[in-house]
Amino acid sequence: SKEAKEKDEVNIFECALLQNQVSELML
């Protein structure tokens, strides 16, 4: 976040927030 804030760029994350985290914590 700190690095991306300084750049004029769009970042696209596939499944990093929900799929990976929910699978790890749930299973």
mmCIF file of all heavy atoms, coordinates in Angstrom:
data_MODEL
# 
_entry.id   MODEL 
# 
loop_
_atom_site.group_PDB 
_atom_site.id 
_atom_site.type_symbol 
_atom_site.label_atom_id 
_atom_site.label_alt_id 
_atom_site.label_comp_id 
_atom_site.label_asym_id 
_atom_site.label_entity_id 
_atom_site.label_seq_id 
_atom_site.pdbx_PDB_ins_code 
_atom_site.Cartn_x 
_atom_site.Cartn_y 
_atom_site.Cartn_z 
_atom_site.occupancy 
_atom_site.B_iso_or_equiv 
_atom_site.pdbx_formal_charge 
_atom_site.auth_seq_id 
_atom_site.auth_comp_id 
_atom_site.auth_asym_id 
_atom_site.auth_atom_id 
_atom_site.pdbx_PDB_model_num 
ATOM 1   N N   . SER A 1 1  ? 0.821   -1.211  0.000   1.00 0.00 ? 1  SER A N   1 
ATOM 2   C CA  . SER A 1 1  ? 0.000   0.000   0.000   1.00 0.00 ? 1  SER A CA  1 
ATOM 3   C C   . SER A 1 1  ? 0.853   1.259   0.000   1.00 0.00 ? 1  SER A C   1 
ATOM 4   O O   . SER A 1 1  ? 0.583   2.217   -0.745  1.00 0.00 ? 1  SER A O   1 
ATOM 5   C CB  . SER A 1 1  ? -0.921  -0.001  1.219   1.00 0.00 ? 1  SER A CB  1 
ATOM 6   O OG  . SER A 1 1  ? -1.751  1.136   1.214   1.00 0.00 ? 1  SER A OG  1 
ATOM 7   N N   . LYS A 1 2  ? 1.888   1.244   0.815   1.00 0.00 ? 2  LYS A N   1 
ATOM 8   C CA  . LYS A 1 2  ? 2.764   2.410   0.911   1.00 0.00 ? 2  LYS A CA  1 
ATOM 9   C C   . LYS A 1 2  ? 3.433   2.712   -0.421  1.00 0.00 ? 2  LYS A C   1 
ATOM 10  O O   . LYS A 1 2  ? 3.525   3.867   -0.853  1.00 0.00 ? 2  LYS A O   1 
ATOM 11  C CB  . LYS A 1 2  ? 3.821   2.173   1.992   1.00 0.00 ? 2  LYS A CB  1 
ATOM 12  C CG  . LYS A 1 2  ? 4.748   3.357   2.224   1.00 0.00 ? 2  LYS A CG  1 
ATOM 13  C CD  . LYS A 1 2  ? 5.722   3.066   3.355   1.00 0.00 ? 2  LYS A CD  1 
ATOM 14  C CE  . LYS A 1 2  ? 6.637   4.251   3.597   1.00 0.00 ? 2  LYS A CE  1 
ATOM 15  N NZ  . LYS A 1 2  ? 7.613   3.968   4.703   1.00 0.00 ? 2  LYS A NZ  1 
ATOM 16  N N   . GLU A 1 3  ? 3.882   1.676   -1.110  1.00 0.00 ? 3  GLU A N   1 
ATOM 17  C CA  . GLU A 1 3  ? 4.541   1.863   -2.401  1.00 0.00 ? 3  GLU A CA  1 
ATOM 18  C C   . GLU A 1 3  ? 3.546   2.239   -3.495  1.00 0.00 ? 3  GLU A C   1 
ATOM 19  O O   . GLU A 1 3  ? 3.793   3.136   -4.297  1.00 0.00 ? 3  GLU A O   1 
ATOM 20  C CB  . GLU A 1 3  ? 5.280   0.579   -2.798  1.00 0.00 ? 3  GLU A CB  1 
ATOM 21  C CG  . GLU A 1 3  ? 6.055   0.708   -4.093  1.00 0.00 ? 3  GLU A CG  1 
ATOM 22  C CD  . GLU A 1 3  ? 6.880   -0.526  -4.408  1.00 0.00 ? 3  GLU A CD  1 
ATOM 23  O OE1 . GLU A 1 3  ? 7.060   -1.369  -3.516  1.00 0.00 ? 3  GLU A OE1 1 
ATOM 24  O OE2 . GLU A 1 3  ? 7.340   -0.638  -5.560  1.00 0.00 ? 3  GLU A OE2 1 
ATOM 25  N N   . ALA A 1 4  ? 2.399   1.568   -3.520  1.00 0.00 ? 4  ALA A N   1 
ATOM 26  C CA  . ALA A 1 4  ? 1.404   1.818   -4.571  1.00 0.00 ? 4  ALA A CA  1 
ATOM 27  C C   . ALA A 1 4  ? 0.794   3.208   -4.459  1.00 0.00 ? 4  ALA A C   1 
ATOM 28  O O   . ALA A 1 4  ? 0.410   3.812   -5.475  1.00 0.00 ? 4  ALA A O   1 
ATOM 29  C CB  . ALA A 1 4  ? 0.310   0.760   -4.494  1.00 0.00 ? 4  ALA A CB  1 
ATOM 30  N N   . LYS A 1 5  ? 0.708   3.738   -3.259  1.00 0.00 ? 5  LYS A N   1 
ATOM 31  C CA  . LYS A 1 5  ? 0.118   5.058   -3.041  1.00 0.00 ? 5  LYS A CA  1 
ATOM 32  C C   . LYS A 1 5  ? 0.874   6.144   -3.803  1.00 0.00 ? 5  LYS A C   1 
ATOM 33  O O   . LYS A 1 5  ? 0.280   7.128   -4.263  1.00 0.00 ? 5  LYS A O   1 
ATOM 34  C CB  . LYS A 1 5  ? 0.118   5.371   -1.545  1.00 0.00 ? 5  LYS A CB  1 
ATOM 35  C CG  . LYS A 1 5  ? -0.501  6.715   -1.190  1.00 0.00 ? 5  LYS A CG  1 
ATOM 36  C CD  . LYS A 1 5  ? -0.403  6.979   0.302   1.00 0.00 ? 5  LYS A CD  1 
ATOM 37  C CE  . LYS A 1 5  ? -0.949  8.354   0.653   1.00 0.00 ? 5  LYS A CE  1 
ATOM 38  N NZ  . LYS A 1 5  ? -0.822  8.638   2.109   1.00 0.00 ? 5  LYS A NZ  1 
ATOM 39  N N   . GLU A 1 6  ? 2.183   5.952   -3.971  1.00 0.00 ? 6  GLU A N   1 
ATOM 40  C CA  . GLU A 1 6  ? 3.018   6.966   -4.610  1.00 0.00 ? 6  GLU A CA  1 
ATOM 41  C C   . GLU A 1 6  ? 3.025   6.871   -6.131  1.00 0.00 ? 6  GLU A C   1 
ATOM 42  O O   . GLU A 1 6  ? 3.651   7.692   -6.796  1.00 0.00 ? 6  GLU A O   1 
ATOM 43  C CB  . GLU A 1 6  ? 4.461   6.841   -4.092  1.00 0.00 ? 6  GLU A CB  1 
ATOM 44  C CG  . GLU A 1 6  ? 4.597   6.936   -2.580  1.00 0.00 ? 6  GLU A CG  1 
ATOM 45  C CD  . GLU A 1 6  ? 3.998   8.222   -2.033  1.00 0.00 ? 6  GLU A CD  1 
ATOM 46  O OE1 . GLU A 1 6  ? 4.205   9.281   -2.681  1.00 0.00 ? 6  GLU A OE1 1 
ATOM 47  O OE2 . GLU A 1 6  ? 3.327   8.171   -0.986  1.00 0.00 ? 6  GLU A OE2 1 
ATOM 48  N N   . LYS A 1 7  ? 2.337   5.879   -6.686  1.00 0.00 ? 7  LYS A N   1 
ATOM 49  C CA  . LYS A 1 7  ? 2.361   5.675   -8.137  1.00 0.00 ? 7  LYS A CA  1 
ATOM 50  C C   . LYS A 1 7  ? 0.978   5.878   -8.743  1.00 0.00 ? 7  LYS A C   1 
ATOM 51  O O   . LYS A 1 7  ? -0.035  5.558   -8.128  1.00 0.00 ? 7  LYS A O   1 
ATOM 52  C CB  . LYS A 1 7  ? 2.854   4.252   -8.458  1.00 0.00 ? 7  LYS A CB  1 
ATOM 53  C CG  . LYS A 1 7  ? 4.269   3.976   -7.973  1.00 0.00 ? 7  LYS A CG  1 
ATOM 54  C CD  . LYS A 1 7  ? 4.674   2.544   -8.278  1.00 0.00 ? 7  LYS A CD  1 
ATOM 55  C CE  . LYS A 1 7  ? 6.082   2.246   -7.787  1.00 0.00 ? 7  LYS A CE  1 
ATOM 56  N NZ  . LYS A 1 7  ? 6.479   0.841   -8.047  1.00 0.00 ? 7  LYS A NZ  1 
ATOM 57  N N   . ASP A 1 8  ? 0.959   6.384   -9.959  1.00 0.00 ? 8  ASP A N   1 
ATOM 58  C CA  . ASP A 1 8  ? -0.292  6.581   -10.678 1.00 0.00 ? 8  ASP A CA  1 
ATOM 59  C C   . ASP A 1 8  ? -0.588  5.332   -11.506 1.00 0.00 ? 8  ASP A C   1 
ATOM 60  O O   . ASP A 1 8  ? -0.492  5.331   -12.734 1.00 0.00 ? 8  ASP A O   1 
ATOM 61  C CB  . ASP A 1 8  ? -0.191  7.822   -11.570 1.00 0.00 ? 8  ASP A CB  1 
ATOM 62  C CG  . ASP A 1 8  ? -1.529  8.198   -12.177 1.00 0.00 ? 8  ASP A CG  1 
ATOM 63  O OD1 . ASP A 1 8  ? -2.567  7.771   -11.642 1.00 0.00 ? 8  ASP A OD1 1 
ATOM 64  O OD2 . ASP A 1 8  ? -1.545  8.901   -13.206 1.00 0.00 ? 8  ASP A OD2 1 
ATOM 65  N N   . GLU A 1 9  ? -0.927  4.247   -10.807 1.00 0.00 ? 9  GLU A N   1 
ATOM 66  C CA  . GLU A 1 9  ? -1.135  2.953   -11.448 1.00 0.00 ? 9  GLU A CA  1 
ATOM 67  C C   . GLU A 1 9  ? -2.349  2.256   -10.839 1.00 0.00 ? 9  GLU A C   1 
ATOM 68  O O   . GLU A 1 9  ? -2.692  2.487   -9.678  1.00 0.00 ? 9  GLU A O   1 
ATOM 69  C CB  . GLU A 1 9  ? 0.102   2.060   -11.271 1.00 0.00 ? 9  GLU A CB  1 
ATOM 70  C CG  . GLU A 1 9  ? 1.368   2.644   -11.877 1.00 0.00 ? 9  GLU A CG  1 
ATOM 71  C CD  . GLU A 1 9  ? 2.608   1.835   -11.554 1.00 0.00 ? 9  GLU A CD  1 
ATOM 72  O OE1 . GLU A 1 9  ? 2.510   0.863   -10.760 1.00 0.00 ? 9  GLU A OE1 1 
ATOM 73  O OE2 . GLU A 1 9  ? 3.692   2.170   -12.095 1.00 0.00 ? 9  GLU A OE2 1 
ATOM 74  N N   . VAL A 1 10 ? -2.973  1.394   -11.635 1.00 0.00 ? 10 VAL A N   1 
ATOM 75  C CA  . VAL A 1 10 ? -4.095  0.596   -11.168 1.00 0.00 ? 10 VAL A CA  1 
ATOM 76  C C   . VAL A 1 10 ? -3.596  -0.830  -10.930 1.00 0.00 ? 10 VAL A C   1 
ATOM 77  O O   . VAL A 1 10 ? -3.016  -1.445  -11.826 1.00 0.00 ? 10 VAL A O   1 
ATOM 78  C CB  . VAL A 1 10 ? -5.243  0.569   -12.191 1.00 0.00 ? 10 VAL A CB  1 
ATOM 79  C CG1 . VAL A 1 10 ? -6.411  -0.261  -11.652 1.00 0.00 ? 10 VAL A CG1 1 
ATOM 80  C CG2 . VAL A 1 10 ? -5.703  1.983   -12.529 1.00 0.00 ? 10 VAL A CG2 1 
ATOM 81  N N   . ASN A 1 11 ? -3.801  -1.342  -9.739  1.00 0.00 ? 11 ASN A N   1 
ATOM 82  C CA  . ASN A 1 11 ? -3.403  -2.700  -9.392  1.00 0.00 ? 11 ASN A CA  1 
ATOM 83  C C   . ASN A 1 11 ? -4.632  -3.600  -9.339  1.00 0.00 ? 11 ASN A C   1 
ATOM 84  O O   . ASN A 1 11 ? -5.674  -3.214  -8.788  1.00 0.00 ? 11 ASN A O   1 
ATOM 85  C CB  . ASN A 1 11 ? -2.701  -2.702  -8.036  1.00 0.00 ? 11 ASN A CB  1 
ATOM 86  C CG  . ASN A 1 11 ? -1.445  -1.854  -8.047  1.00 0.00 ? 11 ASN A CG  1 
ATOM 87  O OD1 . ASN A 1 11 ? -0.398  -2.287  -8.517  1.00 0.00 ? 11 ASN A OD1 1 
ATOM 88  N ND2 . ASN A 1 11 ? -1.546  -0.626  -7.542  1.00 0.00 ? 11 ASN A ND2 1 
ATOM 89  N N   . ILE A 1 12 ? -4.513  -4.790  -9.905  1.00 0.00 ? 12 ILE A N   1 
ATOM 90  C CA  . ILE A 1 12 ? -5.621  -5.728  -9.963  1.00 0.00 ? 12 ILE A CA  1 
ATOM 91  C C   . ILE A 1 12 ? -5.193  -7.026  -9.289  1.00 0.00 ? 12 ILE A C   1 
ATOM 92  O O   . ILE A 1 12 ? -4.227  -7.666  -9.712  1.00 0.00 ? 12 ILE A O   1 
ATOM 93  C CB  . ILE A 1 12 ? -6.043  -5.996  -11.418 1.00 0.00 ? 12 ILE A CB  1 
ATOM 94  C CG1 . ILE A 1 12 ? -6.416  -4.670  -12.105 1.00 0.00 ? 12 ILE A CG1 1 
ATOM 95  C CG2 . ILE A 1 12 ? -7.209  -6.977  -11.475 1.00 0.00 ? 12 ILE A CG2 1 
ATOM 96  C CD1 . ILE A 1 12 ? -6.476  -4.762  -13.613 1.00 0.00 ? 12 ILE A CD1 1 
ATOM 97  N N   . PHE A 1 13 ? -5.902  -7.398  -8.230  1.00 0.00 ? 13 PHE A N   1 
ATOM 98  C CA  . PHE A 1 13 ? -5.618  -8.623  -7.485  1.00 0.00 ? 13 PHE A CA  1 
ATOM 99  C C   . PHE A 1 13 ? -6.682  -9.655  -7.803  1.00 0.00 ? 13 PHE A C   1 
ATOM 100 O O   . PHE A 1 13 ? -7.879  -9.385  -7.673  1.00 0.00 ? 13 PHE A O   1 
ATOM 101 C CB  . PHE A 1 13 ? -5.652  -8.374  -5.978  1.00 0.00 ? 13 PHE A CB  1 
ATOM 102 C CG  . PHE A 1 13 ? -4.474  -7.636  -5.407  1.00 0.00 ? 13 PHE A CG  1 
ATOM 103 C CD1 . PHE A 1 13 ? -3.479  -7.118  -6.218  1.00 0.00 ? 13 PHE A CD1 1 
ATOM 104 C CD2 . PHE A 1 13 ? -4.363  -7.459  -4.029  1.00 0.00 ? 13 PHE A CD2 1 
ATOM 105 C CE1 . PHE A 1 13 ? -2.391  -6.434  -5.678  1.00 0.00 ? 13 PHE A CE1 1 
ATOM 106 C CE2 . PHE A 1 13 ? -3.288  -6.792  -3.481  1.00 0.00 ? 13 PHE A CE2 1 
ATOM 107 C CZ  . PHE A 1 13 ? -2.296  -6.271  -4.304  1.00 0.00 ? 13 PHE A CZ  1 
ATOM 108 N N   . GLU A 1 14 ? -6.263  -10.844 -8.180  1.00 0.00 ? 14 GLU A N   1 
ATOM 109 C CA  . GLU A 1 14 ? -7.194  -11.954 -8.359  1.00 0.00 ? 14 GLU A CA  1 
ATOM 110 C C   . GLU A 1 14 ? -7.122  -12.890 -7.154  1.00 0.00 ? 14 GLU A C   1 
ATOM 111 O O   . GLU A 1 14 ? -6.078  -13.463 -6.873  1.00 0.00 ? 14 GLU A O   1 
ATOM 112 C CB  . GLU A 1 14 ? -6.866  -12.740 -9.639  1.00 0.00 ? 14 GLU A CB  1 
ATOM 113 C CG  . GLU A 1 14 ? -7.784  -13.927 -9.847  1.00 0.00 ? 14 GLU A CG  1 
ATOM 114 C CD  . GLU A 1 14 ? -7.220  -14.985 -10.779 1.00 0.00 ? 14 GLU A CD  1 
ATOM 115 O OE1 . GLU A 1 14 ? -6.153  -14.763 -11.392 1.00 0.00 ? 14 GLU A OE1 1 
ATOM 116 O OE2 . GLU A 1 14 ? -7.836  -16.059 -10.868 1.00 0.00 ? 14 GLU A OE2 1 
ATOM 117 N N   . CYS A 1 15 ? -8.202  -13.012 -6.423  1.00 0.00 ? 15 CYS A N   1 
ATOM 118 C CA  . CYS A 1 15 ? -8.450  -13.967 -5.334  1.00 0.00 ? 15 CYS A CA  1 
ATOM 119 C C   . CYS A 1 15 ? -7.509  -13.854 -4.131  1.00 0.00 ? 15 CYS A C   1 
ATOM 120 O O   . CYS A 1 15 ? -7.455  -14.762 -3.299  1.00 0.00 ? 15 CYS A O   1 
ATOM 121 C CB  . CYS A 1 15 ? -8.477  -15.404 -5.855  1.00 0.00 ? 15 CYS A CB  1 
ATOM 122 S SG  . CYS A 1 15 ? -6.884  -16.119 -6.267  1.00 0.00 ? 15 CYS A SG  1 
ATOM 123 N N   . ALA A 1 16 ? -6.765  -12.759 -4.000  1.00 0.00 ? 16 ALA A N   1 
ATOM 124 C CA  . ALA A 1 16 ? -5.819  -12.636 -2.892  1.00 0.00 ? 16 ALA A CA  1 
ATOM 125 C C   . ALA A 1 16 ? -6.495  -12.304 -1.570  1.00 0.00 ? 16 ALA A C   1 
ATOM 126 O O   . ALA A 1 16 ? -6.010  -12.694 -0.503  1.00 0.00 ? 16 ALA A O   1 
ATOM 127 C CB  . ALA A 1 16 ? -4.770  -11.577 -3.209  1.00 0.00 ? 16 ALA A CB  1 
ATOM 128 N N   . LEU A 1 17 ? -7.601  -11.588 -1.622  1.00 0.00 ? 17 LEU A N   1 
ATOM 129 C CA  . LEU A 1 17 ? -8.221  -11.116 -0.387  1.00 0.00 ? 17 LEU A CA  1 
ATOM 130 C C   . LEU A 1 17 ? -9.174  -12.131 0.230   1.00 0.00 ? 17 LEU A C   1 
ATOM 131 O O   . LEU A 1 17 ? -9.097  -12.415 1.427   1.00 0.00 ? 17 LEU A O   1 
ATOM 132 C CB  . LEU A 1 17 ? -8.978  -9.807  -0.644  1.00 0.00 ? 17 LEU A CB  1 
ATOM 133 C CG  . LEU A 1 17 ? -9.663  -9.209  0.589   1.00 0.00 ? 17 LEU A CG  1 
ATOM 134 C CD1 . LEU A 1 17 ? -8.623  -8.714  1.587   1.00 0.00 ? 17 LEU A CD1 1 
ATOM 135 C CD2 . LEU A 1 17 ? -10.603 -8.074  0.201   1.00 0.00 ? 17 LEU A CD2 1 
ATOM 136 N N   . LEU A 1 18 ? -10.080 -12.684 -0.561  1.00 0.00 ? 18 LEU A N   1 
ATOM 137 C CA  . LEU A 1 18 ? -11.091 -13.588 -0.013  1.00 0.00 ? 18 LEU A CA  1 
ATOM 138 C C   . LEU A 1 18 ? -10.744 -15.062 -0.206  1.00 0.00 ? 18 LEU A C   1 
ATOM 139 O O   . LEU A 1 18 ? -10.626 -15.810 0.765   1.00 0.00 ? 18 LEU A O   1 
ATOM 140 C CB  . LEU A 1 18 ? -12.458 -13.286 -0.626  1.00 0.00 ? 18 LEU A CB  1 
ATOM 141 C CG  . LEU A 1 18 ? -13.139 -12.007 -0.143  1.00 0.00 ? 18 LEU A CG  1 
ATOM 142 C CD1 . LEU A 1 18 ? -14.469 -11.807 -0.845  1.00 0.00 ? 18 LEU A CD1 1 
ATOM 143 C CD2 . LEU A 1 18 ? -13.327 -11.996 1.365   1.00 0.00 ? 18 LEU A CD2 1 
ATOM 144 N N   . GLN A 1 19 ? -10.605 -15.505 -1.445  1.00 0.00 ? 19 GLN A N   1 
ATOM 145 C CA  . GLN A 1 19 ? -10.398 -16.934 -1.678  1.00 0.00 ? 19 GLN A CA  1 
ATOM 146 C C   . GLN A 1 19 ? -9.250  -17.493 -0.851  1.00 0.00 ? 19 GLN A C   1 
ATOM 147 O O   . GLN A 1 19 ? -9.404  -18.493 -0.138  1.00 0.00 ? 19 GLN A O   1 
ATOM 148 C CB  . GLN A 1 19 ? -10.132 -17.205 -3.158  1.00 0.00 ? 19 GLN A CB  1 
ATOM 149 C CG  . GLN A 1 19 ? -9.780  -18.676 -3.438  1.00 0.00 ? 19 GLN A CG  1 
ATOM 150 C CD  . GLN A 1 19 ? -9.534  -18.944 -4.908  1.00 0.00 ? 19 GLN A CD  1 
ATOM 151 O OE1 . GLN A 1 19 ? -10.447 -18.887 -5.721  1.00 0.00 ? 19 GLN A OE1 1 
ATOM 152 N NE2 . GLN A 1 19 ? -8.289  -19.233 -5.254  1.00 0.00 ? 19 GLN A NE2 1 
ATOM 153 N N   . ASN A 1 20 ? -8.093  -16.879 -0.949  1.00 0.00 ? 20 ASN A N   1 
ATOM 154 C CA  . ASN A 1 20 ? -6.917  -17.421 -0.275  1.00 0.00 ? 20 ASN A CA  1 
ATOM 155 C C   . ASN A 1 20 ? -7.022  -17.323 1.239   1.00 0.00 ? 20 ASN A C   1 
ATOM 156 O O   . ASN A 1 20 ? -6.657  -18.255 1.975   1.00 0.00 ? 20 ASN A O   1 
ATOM 157 C CB  . ASN A 1 20 ? -5.655  -16.722 -0.763  1.00 0.00 ? 20 ASN A CB  1 
ATOM 158 C CG  . ASN A 1 20 ? -5.382  -17.001 -2.232  1.00 0.00 ? 20 ASN A CG  1 
ATOM 159 O OD1 . ASN A 1 20 ? -5.976  -17.890 -2.829  1.00 0.00 ? 20 ASN A OD1 1 
ATOM 160 N ND2 . ASN A 1 20 ? -4.484  -16.227 -2.826  1.00 0.00 ? 20 ASN A ND2 1 
ATOM 161 N N   . GLN A 1 21 ? -7.531  -16.187 1.734   1.00 0.00 ? 21 GLN A N   1 
ATOM 162 C CA  . GLN A 1 21 ? -7.612  -15.989 3.177   1.00 0.00 ? 21 GLN A CA  1 
ATOM 163 C C   . GLN A 1 21 ? -8.719  -16.833 3.815   1.00 0.00 ? 21 GLN A C   1 
ATOM 164 O O   . GLN A 1 21 ? -8.512  -17.472 4.851   1.00 0.00 ? 21 GLN A O   1 
ATOM 165 C CB  . GLN A 1 21 ? -7.833  -14.500 3.486   1.00 0.00 ? 21 GLN A CB  1 
ATOM 166 C CG  . GLN A 1 21 ? -6.785  -13.577 2.912   1.00 0.00 ? 21 GLN A CG  1 
ATOM 167 C CD  . GLN A 1 21 ? -5.379  -13.969 3.308   1.00 0.00 ? 21 GLN A CD  1 
ATOM 168 O OE1 . GLN A 1 21 ? -5.118  -14.294 4.474   1.00 0.00 ? 21 GLN A OE1 1 
ATOM 169 N NE2 . GLN A 1 21 ? -4.464  -13.955 2.359   1.00 0.00 ? 21 GLN A NE2 1 
ATOM 170 N N   . VAL A 1 22 ? -9.898  -16.852 3.187   1.00 0.00 ? 22 VAL A N   1 
ATOM 171 C CA  . VAL A 1 22 ? -11.001 -17.627 3.748   1.00 0.00 ? 22 VAL A CA  1 
ATOM 172 C C   . VAL A 1 22 ? -10.662 -19.120 3.733   1.00 0.00 ? 22 VAL A C   1 
ATOM 173 O O   . VAL A 1 22 ? -10.922 -19.844 4.701   1.00 0.00 ? 22 VAL A O   1 
ATOM 174 C CB  . VAL A 1 22 ? -12.312 -17.352 2.988   1.00 0.00 ? 22 VAL A CB  1 
ATOM 175 C CG1 . VAL A 1 22 ? -13.415 -18.304 3.457   1.00 0.00 ? 22 VAL A CG1 1 
ATOM 176 C CG2 . VAL A 1 22 ? -12.751 -15.904 3.184   1.00 0.00 ? 22 VAL A CG2 1 
ATOM 177 N N   . SER A 1 23 ? -10.071 -19.586 2.635   1.00 0.00 ? 23 SER A N   1 
ATOM 178 C CA  . SER A 1 23 ? -9.696  -21.005 2.563   1.00 0.00 ? 23 SER A CA  1 
ATOM 179 C C   . SER A 1 23 ? -8.721  -21.364 3.673   1.00 0.00 ? 23 SER A C   1 
ATOM 180 O O   . SER A 1 23 ? -8.871  -22.396 4.341   1.00 0.00 ? 23 SER A O   1 
ATOM 181 C CB  . SER A 1 23 ? -9.081  -21.315 1.198   1.00 0.00 ? 23 SER A CB  1 
ATOM 182 O OG  . SER A 1 23 ? -10.028 -21.178 0.163   1.00 0.00 ? 23 SER A OG  1 
ATOM 183 N N   . GLU A 1 24 ? -7.704  -20.537 3.883   1.00 0.00 ? 24 GLU A N   1 
ATOM 184 C CA  . GLU A 1 24 ? -6.704  -20.830 4.917   1.00 0.00 ? 24 GLU A CA  1 
ATOM 185 C C   . GLU A 1 24 ? -7.322  -20.839 6.313   1.00 0.00 ? 24 GLU A C   1 
ATOM 186 O O   . GLU A 1 24 ? -7.145  -21.786 7.087   1.00 0.00 ? 24 GLU A O   1 
ATOM 187 C CB  . GLU A 1 24 ? -5.574  -19.806 4.854   1.00 0.00 ? 24 GLU A CB  1 
ATOM 188 C CG  . GLU A 1 24 ? -4.480  -20.000 5.888   1.00 0.00 ? 24 GLU A CG  1 
ATOM 189 C CD  . GLU A 1 24 ? -3.607  -21.226 5.644   1.00 0.00 ? 24 GLU A CD  1 
ATOM 190 O OE1 . GLU A 1 24 ? -3.675  -21.806 4.535   1.00 0.00 ? 24 GLU A OE1 1 
ATOM 191 O OE2 . GLU A 1 24 ? -2.864  -21.614 6.558   1.00 0.00 ? 24 GLU A OE2 1 
ATOM 192 N N   . LEU A 1 25 ? -8.061  -19.790 6.639   1.00 0.00 ? 25 LEU A N   1 
ATOM 193 C CA  . LEU A 1 25 ? -8.581  -19.676 7.995   1.00 0.00 ? 25 LEU A CA  1 
ATOM 194 C C   . LEU A 1 25 ? -9.724  -20.652 8.259   1.00 0.00 ? 25 LEU A C   1 
ATOM 195 O O   . LEU A 1 25 ? -9.835  -21.210 9.353   1.00 0.00 ? 25 LEU A O   1 
ATOM 196 C CB  . LEU A 1 25 ? -9.036  -18.239 8.268   1.00 0.00 ? 25 LEU A CB  1 
ATOM 197 C CG  . LEU A 1 25 ? -7.947  -17.311 8.832   1.00 0.00 ? 25 LEU A CG  1 
ATOM 198 C CD1 . LEU A 1 25 ? -6.841  -17.069 7.797   1.00 0.00 ? 25 LEU A CD1 1 
ATOM 199 C CD2 . LEU A 1 25 ? -8.550  -15.979 9.269   1.00 0.00 ? 25 LEU A CD2 1 
ATOM 200 N N   . MET A 1 26 ? -10.556 -20.871 7.264   1.00 0.00 ? 26 MET A N   1 
ATOM 201 C CA  . MET A 1 26 ? -11.689 -21.774 7.438   1.00 0.00 ? 26 MET A CA  1 
ATOM 202 C C   . MET A 1 26 ? -11.239 -23.231 7.506   1.00 0.00 ? 26 MET A C   1 
ATOM 203 O O   . MET A 1 26 ? -11.659 -23.989 8.387   1.00 0.00 ? 26 MET A O   1 
ATOM 204 C CB  . MET A 1 26 ? -12.664 -21.573 6.276   1.00 0.00 ? 26 MET A CB  1 
ATOM 205 C CG  . MET A 1 26 ? -13.837 -22.544 6.229   1.00 0.00 ? 26 MET A CG  1 
ATOM 206 S SD  . MET A 1 26 ? -14.897 -22.191 4.799   1.00 0.00 ? 26 MET A SD  1 
ATOM 207 C CE  . MET A 1 26 ? -15.226 -23.849 4.221   1.00 0.00 ? 26 MET A CE  1 
ATOM 208 N N   . LEU A 1 27 ? -10.370 -23.634 6.579   1.00 0.00 ? 27 LEU A N   1 
ATOM 209 C CA  . LEU A 1 27 ? -10.016 -25.049 6.449   1.00 0.00 ? 27 LEU A CA  1 
ATOM 210 C C   . LEU A 1 27 ? -8.920  -25.505 7.402   1.00 0.00 ? 27 LEU A C   1 
ATOM 211 O O   . LEU A 1 27 ? -8.844  -26.684 7.743   1.00 0.00 ? 27 LEU A O   1 
ATOM 212 C CB  . LEU A 1 27 ? -9.601  -25.346 5.012   1.00 0.00 ? 27 LEU A CB  1 
ATOM 213 C CG  . LEU A 1 27 ? -10.667 -25.089 3.940   1.00 0.00 ? 27 LEU A CG  1 
ATOM 214 C CD1 . LEU A 1 27 ? -10.130 -25.435 2.563   1.00 0.00 ? 27 LEU A CD1 1 
ATOM 215 C CD2 . LEU A 1 27 ? -11.940 -25.853 4.230   1.00 0.00 ? 27 LEU A CD2 1 
# 
